[in-house]
Protein backbone atom coordinates (compact mmCIF):
# COMPACT_ATOMS: atom_id res chain seq x y z
CA UNK A 1 19.42 2.57 -13.58
CA UNK A 2 16.70 4.33 -11.51
CA UNK A 3 17.61 7.43 -9.35
CA UNK A 4 16.76 8.45 -5.64
CA UNK A 5 14.02 10.71 -7.08
CA UNK A 6 12.35 8.03 -8.93
CA UNK A 7 12.84 5.51 -5.88
CA UNK A 8 11.15 8.25 -3.46
CA UNK A 9 8.46 8.66 -6.48
CA UNK A 10 7.67 5.21 -6.29
CA UNK A 11 7.41 4.71 -2.94
CA UNK A 12 5.26 7.66 -2.61
CA UNK A 13 2.55 6.38 -4.65
CA UNK A 14 2.85 3.04 -3.38
CA UNK A 15 2.13 4.68 0.21
CA UNK A 16 -0.89 6.74 -1.68
CA UNK A 17 -2.05 3.57 -3.30
CA UNK A 18 -2.23 1.86 0.37
CA UNK A 19 -3.55 4.84 2.18
CA UNK A 20 -6.18 4.91 -0.29
CA UNK A 21 -7.39 1.15 -0.36
CA UNK A 22 -7.15 1.31 3.79
CA UNK A 23 -9.67 4.23 3.83
CA UNK A 24 -11.93 2.38 1.41
CA UNK A 25 -11.80 -0.79 3.50
CA UNK A 26 -11.94 1.44 6.68
CA UNK A 27 -15.06 3.00 5.09
CA UNK A 28 -16.31 -0.63 4.13
CA UNK A 29 -16.13 -2.15 7.54
CA UNK A 30 -17.25 1.13 9.39
CA UNK A 31 -20.61 -0.47 11.01
CA UNK A 32 -18.63 -3.36 12.68
CA UNK A 33 -15.15 -1.39 13.33
CA UNK A 34 -14.49 -2.53 16.65
CA UNK A 35 -14.88 -6.20 16.58
CA UNK A 36 -12.78 -6.19 13.22
CA UNK A 37 -9.95 -4.35 14.58
CA UNK A 38 -7.51 -7.68 14.21
CA UNK A 39 -9.07 -8.28 10.63
CA UNK A 40 -8.07 -4.75 9.56
CA UNK A 41 -4.50 -4.68 10.99
CA UNK A 42 -4.21 -8.10 8.92
CA UNK A 43 -5.45 -6.48 5.81
CA UNK A 44 -3.51 -3.67 6.21
CA UNK A 45 -0.26 -5.72 6.25
CA UNK A 46 -1.94 -7.35 3.17
CA UNK A 47 -2.05 -4.35 1.49
CA UNK A 48 1.47 -3.24 2.75
CA UNK A 49 2.91 -6.45 1.19
CA UNK A 50 0.78 -5.55 -2.10
CA UNK A 51 2.15 -2.14 -2.10
CA UNK A 52 5.77 -3.48 -1.70
CA UNK A 53 5.43 -5.81 -4.15
CA UNK A 54 4.07 -3.10 -6.66
CA UNK A 55 6.64 -0.78 -5.43
CA UNK A 56 9.62 -3.41 -6.34
CA UNK A 57 8.05 -3.92 -9.95
CA UNK A 58 8.42 -0.40 -10.23
CA UNK A 59 11.99 -0.17 -9.37
CA UNK A 60 12.70 -3.42 -11.67
CA UNK A 61 10.92 -1.20 -14.93
CA UNK A 62 12.58 1.69 -13.85
CA UNK A 63 16.23 -0.35 -13.96
CA UNK A 64 15.63 -1.35 -17.53
């Protein structure tokens, strides 16, 4: 079983990881920022999906 605290911790970790990845992508795309807004939005959705998968894996491992 996992506690609400462990769930919140896993969620915070996933959010921090997604934010760090988004910042890295943001700095990488800085020269062409204006025309790549749509690409970055798509990439952010992918990062969010990956973070959610990671978060779910964390919860599953905590439940064991």
